[in-house]
Amino acid sequence: MLSKELLEILRCPSCVREKNGLLTLHKDAWLVCKECGRKYPILDDIPVMLIDEGDKWVNTPVEELPVPPPEK
């Protein structure tokens, strides 16, 4: 599980240059960007913060995200 401190400093790598890139934690398995909608999986308690990974899930509604996230 991600610590509250880590969650407070993590930002969406795609948005952070121009916006806040704030992320919300969804079911302890996903980080969802409030601005662009990219979704980053958390695998083995490690957020996968790659833009390409977030792009894979951008069109998936939050309620349809698989828990736990699939391994590659």
N, C-alpha and C. Protein backbone atom coordinates (compact mmCIF):
# COMPACT_ATOMS: atom_id res chain seq x y z
N MET A 1 0.84 -1.19 0.00
CA MET A 1 0.00 0.00 0.00
C MET A 1 0.88 1.25 0.00
N LEU A 2 0.48 2.24 -0.77
CA LEU A 2 1.25 3.48 -0.85
C LEU A 2 1.06 4.31 0.41
N SER A 3 2.15 4.91 0.84
CA SER A 3 2.04 5.79 2.00
C SER A 3 1.36 7.09 1.58
N LYS A 4 0.75 7.73 2.55
CA LYS A 4 0.07 9.00 2.30
C LYS A 4 1.08 10.04 1.80
N GLU A 5 2.28 10.02 2.34
CA GLU A 5 3.32 10.98 1.94
C GLU A 5 3.70 10.80 0.48
N LEU A 6 3.85 9.53 0.05
CA LEU A 6 4.20 9.28 -1.35
C LEU A 6 3.06 9.72 -2.27
N LEU A 7 1.85 9.42 -1.90
CA LEU A 7 0.70 9.82 -2.70
C LEU A 7 0.62 11.33 -2.86
N GLU A 8 1.01 12.06 -1.83
CA GLU A 8 0.96 13.53 -1.89
C GLU A 8 1.99 14.11 -2.86
N ILE A 9 3.11 13.42 -3.09
CA ILE A 9 4.14 13.98 -3.96
C ILE A 9 4.10 13.43 -5.38
N LEU A 10 3.47 12.28 -5.59
CA LEU A 10 3.39 11.72 -6.94
C LEU A 10 2.50 12.59 -7.82
N ARG A 11 2.90 12.75 -9.07
CA ARG A 11 2.13 13.51 -10.04
C ARG A 11 2.11 12.76 -11.37
N CYS A 12 1.10 13.01 -12.17
CA CYS A 12 1.01 12.42 -13.51
C CYS A 12 2.19 12.93 -14.34
N PRO A 13 3.01 12.03 -14.87
CA PRO A 13 4.18 12.49 -15.65
C PRO A 13 3.80 13.21 -16.94
N SER A 14 2.59 12.99 -17.43
CA SER A 14 2.16 13.66 -18.65
C SER A 14 1.68 15.08 -18.39
N CYS A 15 1.05 15.31 -17.25
CA CYS A 15 0.43 16.61 -16.96
C CYS A 15 1.31 17.55 -16.13
N VAL A 16 2.24 17.02 -15.41
CA VAL A 16 2.94 17.81 -14.39
C VAL A 16 3.66 19.05 -14.93
N ARG A 17 4.03 19.06 -16.19
CA ARG A 17 4.74 20.22 -16.74
C ARG A 17 3.84 21.44 -16.91
N GLU A 18 2.55 21.18 -17.20
CA GLU A 18 1.64 22.28 -17.49
C GLU A 18 0.51 22.45 -16.48
N LYS A 19 0.24 21.40 -15.70
CA LYS A 19 -0.86 21.43 -14.73
C LYS A 19 -0.36 20.81 -13.43
N ASN A 20 -1.27 20.64 -12.50
CA ASN A 20 -0.89 20.02 -11.22
C ASN A 20 -0.62 18.54 -11.35
N GLY A 21 -1.36 17.84 -12.21
CA GLY A 21 -1.17 16.41 -12.38
C GLY A 21 -1.51 15.60 -11.13
N LEU A 22 -2.50 16.08 -10.37
CA LEU A 22 -2.87 15.40 -9.13
C LEU A 22 -3.46 14.03 -9.40
N LEU A 23 -3.10 13.09 -8.56
CA LEU A 23 -3.54 11.71 -8.70
C LEU A 23 -4.43 11.30 -7.53
N THR A 24 -5.40 10.46 -7.82
CA THR A 24 -6.22 9.88 -6.76
C THR A 24 -5.97 8.38 -6.74
N LEU A 25 -6.06 7.81 -5.57
CA LEU A 25 -5.87 6.38 -5.40
C LEU A 25 -7.21 5.67 -5.55
N HIS A 26 -7.24 4.65 -6.41
CA HIS A 26 -8.47 3.90 -6.64
C HIS A 26 -8.26 2.45 -6.23
N LYS A 27 -8.99 2.01 -5.23
CA LYS A 27 -8.97 0.62 -4.73
C LYS A 27 -7.57 0.11 -4.41
N ASP A 28 -6.69 0.98 -3.96
CA ASP A 28 -5.31 0.63 -3.62
C ASP A 28 -4.58 -0.08 -4.75
N ALA A 29 -5.07 0.08 -5.99
CA ALA A 29 -4.47 -0.63 -7.11
C ALA A 29 -4.16 0.27 -8.31
N TRP A 30 -4.71 1.48 -8.32
CA TRP A 30 -4.55 2.38 -9.46
C TRP A 30 -4.36 3.81 -8.98
N LEU A 31 -3.57 4.57 -9.72
CA LEU A 31 -3.47 6.02 -9.54
C LEU A 31 -4.12 6.65 -10.77
N VAL A 32 -5.10 7.51 -10.55
CA VAL A 32 -5.87 8.10 -11.63
C VAL A 32 -5.62 9.61 -11.64
N CYS A 33 -5.21 10.14 -12.81
CA CYS A 33 -4.97 11.57 -12.94
C CYS A 33 -6.30 12.30 -13.04
N LYS A 34 -6.46 13.32 -12.21
CA LYS A 34 -7.69 14.10 -12.20
C LYS A 34 -7.84 14.95 -13.46
N GLU A 35 -6.72 15.25 -14.13
CA GLU A 35 -6.78 16.15 -15.27
C GLU A 35 -6.89 15.45 -16.62
N CYS A 36 -6.07 14.45 -16.87
CA CYS A 36 -6.07 13.82 -18.19
C CYS A 36 -6.77 12.47 -18.21
N GLY A 37 -7.01 11.89 -17.04
CA GLY A 37 -7.70 10.60 -16.99
C GLY A 37 -6.82 9.39 -17.18
N ARG A 38 -5.50 9.60 -17.31
CA ARG A 38 -4.62 8.44 -17.41
C ARG A 38 -4.67 7.66 -16.10
N LYS A 39 -4.51 6.34 -16.22
CA LYS A 39 -4.58 5.47 -15.05
C LYS A 39 -3.30 4.65 -14.99
N TYR A 40 -2.64 4.74 -13.86
CA TYR A 40 -1.36 4.06 -13.66
C TYR A 40 -1.53 2.93 -12.66
N PRO A 41 -1.18 1.69 -13.06
CA PRO A 41 -1.34 0.56 -12.14
C PRO A 41 -0.30 0.57 -11.04
N ILE A 42 -0.65 -0.05 -9.93
CA ILE A 42 0.29 -0.25 -8.83
C ILE A 42 0.53 -1.75 -8.75
N LEU A 43 1.76 -2.16 -9.06
CA LEU A 43 2.12 -3.57 -9.07
C LEU A 43 3.13 -3.85 -7.96
N ASP A 44 2.83 -4.79 -7.09
CA ASP A 44 3.71 -5.12 -5.96
C ASP A 44 4.07 -3.87 -5.16
N ASP A 45 3.07 -3.04 -4.90
CA ASP A 45 3.22 -1.79 -4.13
C ASP A 45 4.10 -0.75 -4.81
N ILE A 46 4.33 -0.90 -6.12
CA ILE A 46 5.15 0.06 -6.87
C ILE A 46 4.30 0.66 -7.99
N PRO A 47 4.09 1.98 -7.97
CA PRO A 47 3.33 2.62 -9.05
C PRO A 47 4.13 2.59 -10.36
N VAL A 48 3.47 2.18 -11.43
CA VAL A 48 4.10 2.16 -12.75
C VAL A 48 3.75 3.49 -13.42
N MET A 49 4.63 4.47 -13.25
CA MET A 49 4.35 5.84 -13.67
C MET A 49 4.93 6.16 -15.05
N LEU A 50 4.70 5.28 -16.01
CA LEU A 50 5.13 5.51 -17.38
C LEU A 50 3.95 6.03 -18.18
N ILE A 51 4.17 7.07 -18.97
CA ILE A 51 3.08 7.66 -19.76
C ILE A 51 2.46 6.60 -20.66
N ASP A 52 3.28 5.76 -21.28
CA ASP A 52 2.74 4.70 -22.15
C ASP A 52 1.80 3.77 -21.39
N GLU A 53 2.12 3.48 -20.14
CA GLU A 53 1.26 2.62 -19.33
C GLU A 53 -0.06 3.33 -19.01
N GLY A 54 0.01 4.61 -18.68
CA GLY A 54 -1.20 5.39 -18.43
C GLY A 54 -2.08 5.50 -19.66
N ASP A 55 -1.44 5.60 -20.84
CA ASP A 55 -2.18 5.69 -22.10
C ASP A 55 -3.01 4.44 -22.37
N LYS A 56 -2.52 3.28 -21.95
CA LYS A 56 -3.23 2.02 -22.20
C LYS A 56 -4.62 2.02 -21.55
N TRP A 57 -4.75 2.73 -20.44
CA TRP A 57 -5.98 2.67 -19.64
C TRP A 57 -6.80 3.94 -19.68
N VAL A 58 -6.40 4.93 -20.46
CA VAL A 58 -7.05 6.24 -20.44
C VAL A 58 -8.54 6.15 -20.81
N ASN A 59 -8.91 5.26 -21.68
CA ASN A 59 -10.31 5.16 -22.11
C ASN A 59 -11.13 4.16 -21.30
N THR A 60 -10.51 3.51 -20.33
CA THR A 60 -11.22 2.56 -19.47
C THR A 60 -11.86 3.31 -18.31
N PRO A 61 -13.16 3.19 -18.14
CA PRO A 61 -13.80 3.84 -16.99
C PRO A 61 -13.23 3.31 -15.68
N VAL A 62 -13.12 4.16 -14.68
CA VAL A 62 -12.53 3.79 -13.40
C VAL A 62 -13.20 2.56 -12.81
N GLU A 63 -14.52 2.49 -12.92
CA GLU A 63 -15.23 1.35 -12.32
C GLU A 63 -14.97 0.03 -13.05
N GLU A 64 -14.35 0.09 -14.25
CA GLU A 64 -14.03 -1.13 -15.00
C GLU A 64 -12.56 -1.54 -14.91
N LEU A 65 -11.76 -0.80 -14.16
CA LEU A 65 -10.35 -1.15 -14.01
C LEU A 65 -10.22 -2.48 -13.28
N PRO A 66 -9.39 -3.39 -13.80
CA PRO A 66 -9.21 -4.67 -13.14
C PRO A 66 -8.43 -4.54 -11.83
N VAL A 67 -8.91 -5.22 -10.81
CA VAL A 67 -8.23 -5.23 -9.51
C VAL A 67 -7.99 -6.68 -9.16
N PRO A 68 -6.75 -7.07 -8.99
CA PRO A 68 -5.53 -6.28 -9.14
C PRO A 68 -5.22 -6.02 -10.62
N PRO A 69 -4.37 -5.01 -10.89
CA PRO A 69 -3.99 -4.73 -12.27
C PRO A 69 -3.27 -5.93 -12.87
N PRO A 70 -3.44 -6.14 -14.18
CA PRO A 70 -2.74 -7.26 -14.81
C PRO A 70 -1.24 -7.03 -14.87
N GLU A 71 -0.51 -8.09 -14.68
CA GLU A 71 0.94 -8.02 -14.88
C GLU A 71 1.17 -7.98 -16.38
N LYS A 72 2.03 -7.19 -16.85
CA LYS A 72 2.34 -7.00 -18.27
C LYS A 72 1.78 -8.07 -19.13
